[in-house]
Amino acid sequence: MNIIFEITGQSCDIALHPVSPQTAETIRKRGRAIYAEKYMNWWRKGNTRTFGMRVGPDSMVRLYVDGKQTPFDDQLLYRDVHAVRRRMYLESRAKYLAVLGYDDEWCNFKWIWNDVQDFDPKNFRFQVLNWDRVLRTEGYNVVDSVFYNGRCADDDSWCNPSGFTLIDPIVIDLAEVRREVEAESRSSSKVPA
């Protein structure tokens, strides 16, 4: 049998990168104009880039088994959510982080598996990244990858993209994050008398 897992909604391509103090200042000064800088194309490269589909109230999730729409419990998407944290670079020498990209391109994304022997929706696994802490937006979840019974999709397709608007770049001062973490640590270590 063939399985198609489909999300219609907003796709995103966002990245979190350590940047130098000079680059952080340039981003602050230029805002969105920074995307036109040739040297800034690095935002789409690196280990902390997320390309996927945002899931939320505006998303439509559908499942097809052999061409027939099949009920799917959306809560399965949230079993293994991984948080993207501002803290990930705290142990490094990085001083600033930059968040760049877009998150508003309306489209349809399909993951397709062929020749599946037995179907059980509980065999789905989702790589869902939560950007709440970085973007300061509650419920900011992005489906990055979908697996069925341990298998990557045999094929995927990105359909009907509508165009996007680049976000206002965000600069995160890691000195502030380090102070927050230290304050949290001190307050949690105090034992009531």
N, C-alpha and C. Protein backbone atom coordinates (compact mmCIF):
# COMPACT_ATOMS: atom_id res chain seq x y z
N MET A 1 0.84 -1.19 0.00
CA MET A 1 0.00 0.00 0.00
C MET A 1 0.88 1.24 0.00
N ASN A 2 0.31 2.36 -0.41
CA ASN A 2 1.01 3.63 -0.43
C ASN A 2 0.42 4.56 0.62
N ILE A 3 1.28 5.34 1.23
CA ILE A 3 0.85 6.27 2.28
C ILE A 3 1.33 7.68 1.90
N ILE A 4 0.42 8.63 2.06
CA ILE A 4 0.78 10.04 1.87
C ILE A 4 0.39 10.79 3.13
N PHE A 5 1.37 11.44 3.74
CA PHE A 5 1.12 12.32 4.89
C PHE A 5 1.30 13.74 4.38
N GLU A 6 0.30 14.59 4.62
CA GLU A 6 0.28 15.91 3.98
C GLU A 6 -0.04 17.00 5.01
N ILE A 7 0.69 18.09 4.91
CA ILE A 7 0.38 19.28 5.72
C ILE A 7 0.20 20.45 4.77
N THR A 8 -0.91 21.15 4.91
CA THR A 8 -1.13 22.39 4.18
C THR A 8 -1.10 23.51 5.21
N GLY A 9 -0.31 24.53 4.92
CA GLY A 9 -0.19 25.64 5.86
C GLY A 9 1.02 26.49 5.52
N GLN A 10 1.65 27.02 6.56
CA GLN A 10 2.79 27.90 6.37
C GLN A 10 4.09 27.12 6.48
N SER A 11 4.90 27.23 5.43
CA SER A 11 6.23 26.63 5.51
C SER A 11 7.19 27.69 6.04
N CYS A 12 8.31 27.21 6.53
CA CYS A 12 9.31 28.15 7.02
C CYS A 12 10.71 27.65 6.71
N ASP A 13 11.60 28.59 6.65
CA ASP A 13 13.02 28.33 6.46
C ASP A 13 13.72 29.34 7.36
N ILE A 14 14.01 28.92 8.58
CA ILE A 14 14.61 29.83 9.55
C ILE A 14 15.89 29.22 10.10
N ALA A 15 16.79 30.08 10.50
CA ALA A 15 18.08 29.61 11.00
C ALA A 15 18.52 30.45 12.19
N LEU A 16 19.22 29.80 13.08
CA LEU A 16 19.82 30.43 14.26
C LEU A 16 21.33 30.24 14.13
N HIS A 17 22.07 31.34 14.11
CA HIS A 17 23.52 31.26 13.90
C HIS A 17 24.27 32.14 14.90
N PRO A 18 25.43 31.67 15.36
CA PRO A 18 26.30 32.59 16.10
C PRO A 18 26.86 33.63 15.13
N VAL A 19 26.93 34.87 15.57
CA VAL A 19 27.49 35.94 14.74
C VAL A 19 28.46 36.77 15.56
N SER A 20 29.35 37.43 14.88
CA SER A 20 30.33 38.31 15.54
C SER A 20 29.63 39.57 16.03
N PRO A 21 30.26 40.30 16.96
CA PRO A 21 29.68 41.58 17.40
C PRO A 21 29.49 42.55 16.23
N GLN A 22 30.39 42.55 15.27
CA GLN A 22 30.27 43.45 14.12
C GLN A 22 29.06 43.08 13.27
N THR A 23 28.87 41.79 13.02
CA THR A 23 27.72 41.34 12.23
C THR A 23 26.43 41.61 12.98
N ALA A 24 26.43 41.40 14.30
CA ALA A 24 25.23 41.69 15.10
C ALA A 24 24.85 43.16 14.96
N GLU A 25 25.84 44.04 15.03
CA GLU A 25 25.57 45.48 14.90
C GLU A 25 25.06 45.82 13.50
N THR A 26 25.64 45.20 12.49
CA THR A 26 25.19 45.43 11.11
C THR A 26 23.74 44.99 10.94
N ILE A 27 23.39 43.83 11.50
CA ILE A 27 22.01 43.33 11.42
C ILE A 27 21.06 44.29 12.13
N ARG A 28 21.45 44.77 13.31
CA ARG A 28 20.59 45.71 14.04
C ARG A 28 20.36 46.99 13.24
N LYS A 29 21.41 47.49 12.62
CA LYS A 29 21.30 48.75 11.87
C LYS A 29 20.49 48.60 10.59
N ARG A 30 20.70 47.50 9.88
CA ARG A 30 20.10 47.36 8.55
C ARG A 30 18.77 46.63 8.54
N GLY A 31 18.45 45.88 9.59
CA GLY A 31 17.18 45.15 9.60
C GLY A 31 17.06 44.22 8.41
N ARG A 32 15.90 44.24 7.77
CA ARG A 32 15.65 43.35 6.64
C ARG A 32 16.58 43.61 5.46
N ALA A 33 17.12 44.79 5.35
CA ALA A 33 18.04 45.10 4.24
C ALA A 33 19.27 44.20 4.27
N ILE A 34 19.52 43.57 5.42
CA ILE A 34 20.68 42.69 5.55
C ILE A 34 20.59 41.50 4.60
N TYR A 35 19.37 41.08 4.25
CA TYR A 35 19.22 39.94 3.35
C TYR A 35 19.79 40.22 1.96
N ALA A 36 19.88 41.46 1.59
CA ALA A 36 20.42 41.82 0.28
C ALA A 36 21.95 41.77 0.25
N GLU A 37 22.56 41.68 1.44
CA GLU A 37 24.02 41.62 1.52
C GLU A 37 24.48 40.25 1.03
N LYS A 38 25.35 40.25 0.05
CA LYS A 38 25.79 38.98 -0.54
C LYS A 38 26.41 38.05 0.51
N TYR A 39 27.18 38.62 1.42
CA TYR A 39 27.86 37.74 2.38
C TYR A 39 26.91 37.13 3.40
N MET A 40 25.67 37.57 3.42
CA MET A 40 24.73 37.04 4.41
C MET A 40 24.00 35.79 3.93
N ASN A 41 24.31 35.29 2.74
CA ASN A 41 23.62 34.10 2.25
C ASN A 41 23.86 32.88 3.13
N TRP A 42 24.79 32.97 4.08
CA TRP A 42 25.08 31.84 4.95
C TRP A 42 23.88 31.46 5.81
N TRP A 43 22.89 32.33 5.94
CA TRP A 43 21.78 32.02 6.85
C TRP A 43 21.04 30.75 6.46
N ARG A 44 21.14 30.34 5.20
CA ARG A 44 20.46 29.13 4.77
C ARG A 44 21.33 27.89 4.94
N LYS A 45 22.54 28.06 5.42
CA LYS A 45 23.45 26.93 5.60
C LYS A 45 23.66 26.72 7.10
N GLY A 46 24.16 25.56 7.44
CA GLY A 46 24.51 25.32 8.83
C GLY A 46 23.61 24.30 9.51
N ASN A 47 24.00 23.95 10.72
CA ASN A 47 23.32 22.89 11.47
C ASN A 47 22.06 23.34 12.18
N THR A 48 21.85 24.64 12.29
CA THR A 48 20.70 25.11 13.06
C THR A 48 19.66 25.75 12.15
N ARG A 49 19.53 25.22 10.96
CA ARG A 49 18.51 25.68 10.03
C ARG A 49 17.35 24.72 10.08
N THR A 50 16.14 25.26 10.06
CA THR A 50 14.94 24.44 10.04
C THR A 50 14.14 24.78 8.80
N PHE A 51 13.92 23.79 7.96
CA PHE A 51 13.04 23.96 6.81
C PHE A 51 11.92 22.97 6.98
N GLY A 52 10.70 23.47 7.09
CA GLY A 52 9.59 22.55 7.28
C GLY A 52 8.27 23.27 7.31
N MET A 53 7.29 22.61 7.88
CA MET A 53 5.93 23.12 7.93
C MET A 53 5.56 23.46 9.37
N ARG A 54 5.12 24.71 9.58
CA ARG A 54 4.62 25.09 10.90
C ARG A 54 3.30 24.37 11.13
N VAL A 55 3.11 23.92 12.36
CA VAL A 55 1.83 23.29 12.70
C VAL A 55 1.16 24.14 13.77
N GLY A 56 -0.10 24.41 13.53
CA GLY A 56 -0.86 25.24 14.45
C GLY A 56 -2.31 25.28 13.99
N PRO A 57 -3.06 26.24 14.49
CA PRO A 57 -4.49 26.29 14.20
C PRO A 57 -4.82 26.48 12.71
N ASP A 58 -3.90 27.09 11.94
CA ASP A 58 -4.16 27.31 10.52
C ASP A 58 -3.73 26.15 9.64
N SER A 59 -3.08 25.16 10.21
CA SER A 59 -2.58 24.03 9.42
C SER A 59 -3.68 23.00 9.20
N MET A 60 -3.58 22.32 8.06
CA MET A 60 -4.48 21.20 7.80
C MET A 60 -3.61 19.97 7.58
N VAL A 61 -3.82 18.96 8.42
CA VAL A 61 -3.05 17.71 8.34
C VAL A 61 -3.97 16.63 7.78
N ARG A 62 -3.50 15.95 6.73
CA ARG A 62 -4.30 14.88 6.14
C ARG A 62 -3.42 13.66 5.91
N LEU A 63 -4.06 12.51 5.98
CA LEU A 63 -3.39 11.23 5.77
C LEU A 63 -4.18 10.45 4.73
N TYR A 64 -3.47 9.91 3.74
CA TYR A 64 -4.10 9.09 2.70
C TYR A 64 -3.42 7.73 2.68
N VAL A 65 -4.24 6.68 2.71
CA VAL A 65 -3.74 5.32 2.58
C VAL A 65 -4.38 4.73 1.34
N ASP A 66 -3.55 4.38 0.38
CA ASP A 66 -4.02 3.90 -0.93
C ASP A 66 -5.07 4.83 -1.54
N GLY A 67 -4.79 6.13 -1.45
CA GLY A 67 -5.65 7.12 -2.09
C GLY A 67 -6.88 7.53 -1.30
N LYS A 68 -7.16 6.86 -0.18
CA LYS A 68 -8.35 7.19 0.61
C LYS A 68 -7.93 7.96 1.85
N GLN A 69 -8.63 9.09 2.10
CA GLN A 69 -8.31 9.86 3.29
C GLN A 69 -8.66 9.04 4.52
N THR A 70 -7.72 9.03 5.47
CA THR A 70 -7.83 8.21 6.68
C THR A 70 -7.73 9.12 7.90
N PRO A 71 -8.52 8.88 8.94
CA PRO A 71 -8.43 9.73 10.13
C PRO A 71 -7.01 9.69 10.73
N PHE A 72 -6.60 10.84 11.25
CA PHE A 72 -5.28 10.95 11.88
C PHE A 72 -5.39 11.81 13.13
N ASP A 73 -4.83 11.33 14.23
CA ASP A 73 -4.82 12.06 15.49
C ASP A 73 -3.66 13.05 15.49
N ASP A 74 -3.96 14.34 15.34
CA ASP A 74 -2.92 15.37 15.27
C ASP A 74 -2.01 15.38 16.49
N GLN A 75 -2.48 14.86 17.61
CA GLN A 75 -1.66 14.87 18.83
C GLN A 75 -0.41 14.01 18.68
N LEU A 76 -0.42 13.06 17.74
CA LEU A 76 0.77 12.25 17.49
C LEU A 76 1.95 13.12 17.04
N LEU A 77 1.66 14.26 16.45
CA LEU A 77 2.73 15.17 16.02
C LEU A 77 3.57 15.67 17.19
N TYR A 78 2.99 15.71 18.36
CA TYR A 78 3.64 16.36 19.50
C TYR A 78 4.27 15.37 20.48
N ARG A 79 4.45 14.11 20.07
CA ARG A 79 5.05 13.13 20.98
C ARG A 79 6.50 13.42 21.29
N ASP A 80 7.26 13.83 20.29
CA ASP A 80 8.71 13.99 20.46
C ASP A 80 9.16 15.36 19.98
N VAL A 81 8.68 16.39 20.63
CA VAL A 81 9.04 17.75 20.23
C VAL A 81 10.40 18.10 20.83
N HIS A 82 11.29 18.63 20.01
CA HIS A 82 12.62 19.03 20.45
C HIS A 82 12.68 20.55 20.46
N ALA A 83 13.14 21.11 21.56
CA ALA A 83 13.21 22.57 21.67
C ALA A 83 14.51 23.09 21.09
N VAL A 84 14.40 24.14 20.29
CA VAL A 84 15.56 24.89 19.84
C VAL A 84 15.76 25.97 20.90
N ARG A 85 16.93 26.01 21.50
CA ARG A 85 17.13 26.90 22.64
C ARG A 85 18.20 27.94 22.37
N ARG A 86 17.96 29.10 22.96
CA ARG A 86 18.98 30.15 22.92
C ARG A 86 20.21 29.70 23.69
N ARG A 87 20.06 28.76 24.59
CA ARG A 87 21.16 28.30 25.45
C ARG A 87 22.16 27.42 24.72
N MET A 88 21.84 27.00 23.50
CA MET A 88 22.70 26.00 22.85
C MET A 88 24.13 26.47 22.63
N TYR A 89 24.36 27.77 22.62
CA TYR A 89 25.72 28.28 22.40
C TYR A 89 26.34 28.86 23.67
N LEU A 90 25.73 28.64 24.82
CA LEU A 90 26.23 29.25 26.05
C LEU A 90 27.64 28.80 26.42
N GLU A 91 27.98 27.59 26.09
CA GLU A 91 29.30 27.07 26.45
C GLU A 91 30.38 27.48 25.43
N SER A 92 29.95 28.13 24.37
CA SER A 92 30.91 28.56 23.34
C SER A 92 31.39 29.98 23.63
N ARG A 93 32.26 30.48 22.77
CA ARG A 93 32.75 31.85 22.91
C ARG A 93 31.84 32.84 22.18
N ALA A 94 30.77 32.33 21.58
CA ALA A 94 29.86 33.20 20.83
C ALA A 94 29.27 34.28 21.75
N LYS A 95 29.11 35.46 21.19
CA LYS A 95 28.55 36.58 21.95
C LYS A 95 27.13 36.92 21.51
N TYR A 96 26.82 36.63 20.24
CA TYR A 96 25.50 36.95 19.71
C TYR A 96 25.00 35.82 18.82
N LEU A 97 23.67 35.72 18.74
CA LEU A 97 23.02 34.81 17.81
C LEU A 97 22.12 35.64 16.92
N ALA A 98 21.95 35.21 15.68
CA ALA A 98 21.02 35.88 14.77
C ALA A 98 20.00 34.86 14.27
N VAL A 99 18.75 35.29 14.22
CA VAL A 99 17.67 34.47 13.65
C VAL A 99 17.25 35.17 12.36
N LEU A 100 17.33 34.42 11.26
CA LEU A 100 17.02 34.95 9.94
C LEU A 100 16.16 33.96 9.18
N GLY A 101 15.41 34.44 8.20
CA GLY A 101 14.65 33.53 7.34
C GLY A 101 13.23 34.01 7.10
N TYR A 102 12.36 33.04 6.83
CA TYR A 102 10.94 33.35 6.62
C TYR A 102 10.09 32.25 7.25
N ASP A 103 8.83 32.59 7.51
CA ASP A 103 7.95 31.58 8.13
C ASP A 103 6.49 31.74 7.69
N ASP A 104 6.28 32.30 6.52
CA ASP A 104 4.90 32.59 6.13
C ASP A 104 4.54 32.15 4.70
N GLU A 105 5.27 31.22 4.13
CA GLU A 105 4.96 30.80 2.77
C GLU A 105 3.88 29.72 2.79
N TRP A 106 2.71 30.07 2.31
CA TRP A 106 1.60 29.11 2.30
C TRP A 106 1.85 28.08 1.22
N CYS A 107 1.80 26.81 1.57
CA CYS A 107 2.03 25.75 0.58
C CYS A 107 1.51 24.43 1.11
N ASN A 108 1.82 23.38 0.39
CA ASN A 108 1.38 22.04 0.72
C ASN A 108 2.61 21.14 0.65
N PHE A 109 2.87 20.37 1.69
CA PHE A 109 4.03 19.48 1.70
C PHE A 109 3.54 18.05 1.91
N LYS A 110 4.03 17.13 1.09
CA LYS A 110 3.63 15.72 1.19
C LYS A 110 4.85 14.83 1.40
N TRP A 111 4.71 13.87 2.30
CA TRP A 111 5.70 12.81 2.48
C TRP A 111 5.03 11.54 1.98
N ILE A 112 5.73 10.75 1.14
CA ILE A 112 5.12 9.61 0.46
C ILE A 112 5.94 8.35 0.70
N TRP A 113 5.25 7.27 1.10
CA TRP A 113 5.88 5.96 1.26
C TRP A 113 5.19 4.99 0.32
N ASN A 114 5.98 4.19 -0.37
CA ASN A 114 5.45 3.18 -1.29
C ASN A 114 5.66 1.79 -0.71
N ASP A 115 4.82 0.87 -1.12
CA ASP A 115 4.96 -0.56 -0.77
C ASP A 115 5.05 -0.80 0.73
N VAL A 116 4.15 -0.17 1.50
CA VAL A 116 4.08 -0.40 2.94
C VAL A 116 3.26 -1.66 3.17
N GLN A 117 3.76 -2.57 4.00
CA GLN A 117 3.08 -3.85 4.21
C GLN A 117 1.90 -3.73 5.17
N ASP A 118 2.13 -3.17 6.33
CA ASP A 118 1.07 -3.04 7.34
C ASP A 118 0.98 -1.59 7.75
N PHE A 119 -0.23 -1.08 7.89
CA PHE A 119 -0.39 0.32 8.27
C PHE A 119 -0.94 0.46 9.67
N ASP A 120 -0.26 1.30 10.45
CA ASP A 120 -0.73 1.68 11.78
C ASP A 120 -0.26 3.12 11.99
N PRO A 121 -1.17 4.08 12.19
CA PRO A 121 -0.74 5.48 12.34
C PRO A 121 0.22 5.71 13.51
N LYS A 122 0.23 4.80 14.47
CA LYS A 122 1.16 4.93 15.60
C LYS A 122 2.60 4.69 15.19
N ASN A 123 2.82 4.18 13.98
CA ASN A 123 4.17 3.95 13.48
C ASN A 123 4.82 5.22 12.92
N PHE A 124 4.05 6.32 12.87
CA PHE A 124 4.64 7.58 12.45
C PHE A 124 5.53 8.14 13.55
N ARG A 125 6.64 8.73 13.16
CA ARG A 125 7.50 9.49 14.06
C ARG A 125 7.76 10.82 13.38
N PHE A 126 7.75 11.87 14.16
CA PHE A 126 7.89 13.21 13.61
C PHE A 126 9.06 13.93 14.27
N GLN A 127 9.85 14.56 13.45
CA GLN A 127 10.87 15.45 13.99
C GLN A 127 10.23 16.83 14.00
N VAL A 128 9.82 17.25 15.20
CA VAL A 128 9.17 18.55 15.36
C VAL A 128 10.07 19.41 16.23
N LEU A 129 10.40 20.58 15.71
CA LEU A 129 11.26 21.51 16.43
C LEU A 129 10.41 22.65 16.97
N ASN A 130 10.60 22.94 18.25
CA ASN A 130 9.87 24.02 18.89
C ASN A 130 10.80 25.22 19.03
N TRP A 131 10.38 26.35 18.48
CA TRP A 131 11.17 27.58 18.47
C TRP A 131 10.65 28.60 19.47
N ASP A 132 9.78 28.22 20.40
CA ASP A 132 9.15 29.16 21.34
C ASP A 132 10.15 30.09 22.02
N ARG A 133 11.17 29.50 22.64
CA ARG A 133 12.11 30.29 23.44
C ARG A 133 12.95 31.24 22.58
N VAL A 134 13.28 30.81 21.38
CA VAL A 134 14.11 31.65 20.52
C VAL A 134 13.29 32.79 19.93
N LEU A 135 12.09 32.47 19.46
CA LEU A 135 11.27 33.48 18.79
C LEU A 135 10.27 34.16 19.71
N ARG A 136 10.24 33.72 20.98
CA ARG A 136 9.32 34.28 21.97
C ARG A 136 7.87 34.26 21.47
N THR A 137 7.51 33.12 20.91
CA THR A 137 6.16 32.91 20.39
C THR A 137 5.69 31.54 20.86
N GLU A 138 4.63 31.51 21.63
CA GLU A 138 4.14 30.24 22.16
C GLU A 138 3.55 29.37 21.04
N GLY A 139 3.87 28.08 21.08
CA GLY A 139 3.33 27.13 20.12
C GLY A 139 3.95 27.20 18.74
N TYR A 140 5.22 27.63 18.66
CA TYR A 140 5.91 27.76 17.39
C TYR A 140 6.59 26.42 17.07
N ASN A 141 5.83 25.49 16.51
CA ASN A 141 6.32 24.15 16.20
C ASN A 141 6.44 23.95 14.70
N VAL A 142 7.54 23.32 14.29
CA VAL A 142 7.82 23.10 12.87
C VAL A 142 8.09 21.61 12.64
N VAL A 143 7.32 21.00 11.74
CA VAL A 143 7.58 19.61 11.34
C VAL A 143 8.71 19.64 10.32
N ASP A 144 9.84 19.09 10.73
CA ASP A 144 11.04 19.09 9.91
C ASP A 144 11.13 17.82 9.07
N SER A 145 10.81 16.69 9.68
CA SER A 145 10.88 15.39 8.98
C SER A 145 9.77 14.49 9.49
N VAL A 146 9.37 13.56 8.63
CA VAL A 146 8.36 12.56 8.99
C VAL A 146 8.92 11.18 8.63
N PHE A 147 8.76 10.23 9.54
CA PHE A 147 9.22 8.86 9.33
C PHE A 147 8.05 7.92 9.54
N TYR A 148 8.03 6.83 8.79
CA TYR A 148 7.01 5.80 9.02
C TYR A 148 7.72 4.48 9.25
N ASN A 149 7.46 3.90 10.40
CA ASN A 149 8.05 2.61 10.76
C ASN A 149 9.57 2.65 10.62
N GLY A 150 10.16 3.78 11.01
CA GLY A 150 11.60 3.95 10.97
C GLY A 150 12.15 4.35 9.60
N ARG A 151 11.29 4.46 8.61
CA ARG A 151 11.73 4.79 7.25
C ARG A 151 11.52 6.25 6.93
N CYS A 152 12.51 6.85 6.29
CA CYS A 152 12.30 8.16 5.69
C CYS A 152 11.31 7.98 4.55
N ALA A 153 10.66 9.03 4.16
CA ALA A 153 9.74 8.96 3.03
C ALA A 153 10.51 8.57 1.77
N ASP A 154 9.85 7.80 0.91
CA ASP A 154 10.45 7.44 -0.37
C ASP A 154 10.52 8.66 -1.29
N ASP A 155 9.59 9.57 -1.07
CA ASP A 155 9.53 10.77 -1.89
C ASP A 155 8.84 11.86 -1.07
N ASP A 156 9.11 13.10 -1.42
CA ASP A 156 8.36 14.19 -0.81
C ASP A 156 8.13 15.24 -1.88
N SER A 157 7.10 16.03 -1.68
CA SER A 157 6.83 17.06 -2.67
C SER A 157 6.33 18.32 -1.98
N TRP A 158 6.80 19.42 -2.49
CA TRP A 158 6.46 20.74 -1.98
C TRP A 158 5.64 21.40 -3.07
N CYS A 159 4.36 21.61 -2.82
CA CYS A 159 3.44 22.04 -3.88
C CYS A 159 2.83 23.41 -3.60
N ASN A 160 2.58 24.14 -4.67
CA ASN A 160 1.85 25.40 -4.65
C ASN A 160 2.39 26.45 -3.69
N PRO A 161 3.71 26.70 -3.70
CA PRO A 161 4.21 27.75 -2.82
C PRO A 161 3.67 29.11 -3.28
N SER A 162 3.38 29.97 -2.30
CA SER A 162 2.72 31.24 -2.63
C SER A 162 3.64 32.45 -2.50
N GLY A 163 4.88 32.25 -2.14
CA GLY A 163 5.78 33.38 -1.90
C GLY A 163 5.87 33.67 -0.41
N PHE A 164 6.92 34.36 -0.02
CA PHE A 164 7.15 34.57 1.40
C PHE A 164 7.69 35.97 1.65
N THR A 165 7.67 36.34 2.93
CA THR A 165 8.25 37.59 3.38
C THR A 165 9.32 37.26 4.40
N LEU A 166 10.52 37.77 4.21
CA LEU A 166 11.60 37.52 5.17
C LEU A 166 11.27 38.22 6.49
N ILE A 167 11.56 37.54 7.58
CA ILE A 167 11.27 38.11 8.90
C ILE A 167 12.26 39.24 9.22
N ASP A 168 11.85 40.09 10.15
CA ASP A 168 12.80 41.05 10.68
C ASP A 168 13.86 40.25 11.43
N PRO A 169 15.12 40.43 11.10
CA PRO A 169 16.16 39.66 11.79
C PRO A 169 16.11 39.91 13.30
N ILE A 170 16.44 38.88 14.05
CA ILE A 170 16.48 38.97 15.51
C ILE A 170 17.92 38.77 15.94
N VAL A 171 18.41 39.63 16.80
CA VAL A 171 19.75 39.47 17.37
C VAL A 171 19.57 39.15 18.85
N ILE A 172 20.17 38.06 19.28
CA ILE A 172 20.10 37.63 20.68
C ILE A 172 21.47 37.86 21.31
N ASP A 173 21.48 38.61 22.38
CA ASP A 173 22.73 38.88 23.11
C ASP A 173 22.93 37.75 24.11
N LEU A 174 23.94 36.93 23.89
CA LEU A 174 24.16 35.78 24.76
C LEU A 174 24.60 36.18 26.16
N ALA A 175 25.14 37.37 26.33
CA ALA A 175 25.47 37.85 27.68
C ALA A 175 24.20 37.96 28.51
N GLU A 176 23.12 38.44 27.89
CA GLU A 176 21.83 38.54 28.60
C GLU A 176 21.29 37.16 28.93
N VAL A 177 21.40 36.24 27.98
CA VAL A 177 20.92 34.87 28.22
C VAL A 177 21.73 34.22 29.35
N ARG A 178 23.05 34.45 29.35
CA ARG A 178 23.89 33.89 30.40
C ARG A 178 23.49 34.45 31.77
N ARG A 179 23.19 35.76 31.83
CA ARG A 179 22.74 36.36 33.10
C ARG A 179 21.41 35.76 33.55
N GLU A 180 20.47 35.55 32.61
CA GLU A 180 19.18 34.92 32.94
C GLU A 180 19.39 33.52 33.52
N VAL A 181 20.25 32.75 32.86
CA VAL A 181 20.51 31.38 33.30
C VAL A 181 21.14 31.39 34.69
N GLU A 182 22.08 32.30 34.92
CA GLU A 182 22.73 32.40 36.22
C GLU A 182 21.72 32.78 37.31
N ALA A 183 20.84 33.72 37.00
CA ALA A 183 19.82 34.14 37.97
C ALA A 183 18.87 32.98 38.27
N GLU A 184 18.47 32.23 37.25
CA GLU A 184 17.60 31.06 37.45
C GLU A 184 18.30 30.03 38.32
N SER A 185 19.59 29.83 38.07
CA SER A 185 20.36 28.85 38.83
C SER A 185 20.46 29.25 40.29
N ARG A 186 20.73 30.55 40.54
CA ARG A 186 20.81 31.02 41.94
C ARG A 186 19.48 30.88 42.66
N SER A 187 18.38 31.24 41.98
CA SER A 187 17.07 31.19 42.65
C SER A 187 16.64 29.74 42.91
N SER A 188 17.01 28.82 42.02
CA SER A 188 16.62 27.42 42.24
C SER A 188 17.49 26.74 43.30
N SER A 189 18.70 27.30 43.57
CA SER A 189 19.57 26.68 44.57
C SER A 189 19.28 27.15 45.99
N LYS A 190 18.47 28.21 46.10
CA LYS A 190 18.12 28.68 47.45
C LYS A 190 17.15 27.72 48.09
N VAL A 191 17.50 27.26 49.27
CA VAL A 191 16.65 26.31 50.00
C VAL A 191 15.89 27.08 51.08
N PRO A 192 14.56 26.95 51.11
CA PRO A 192 13.80 27.66 52.13
C PRO A 192 14.20 27.21 53.53
N ALA A 193 14.21 28.18 54.45
CA ALA A 193 14.60 27.89 55.85
C ALA A 193 13.50 27.16 56.58
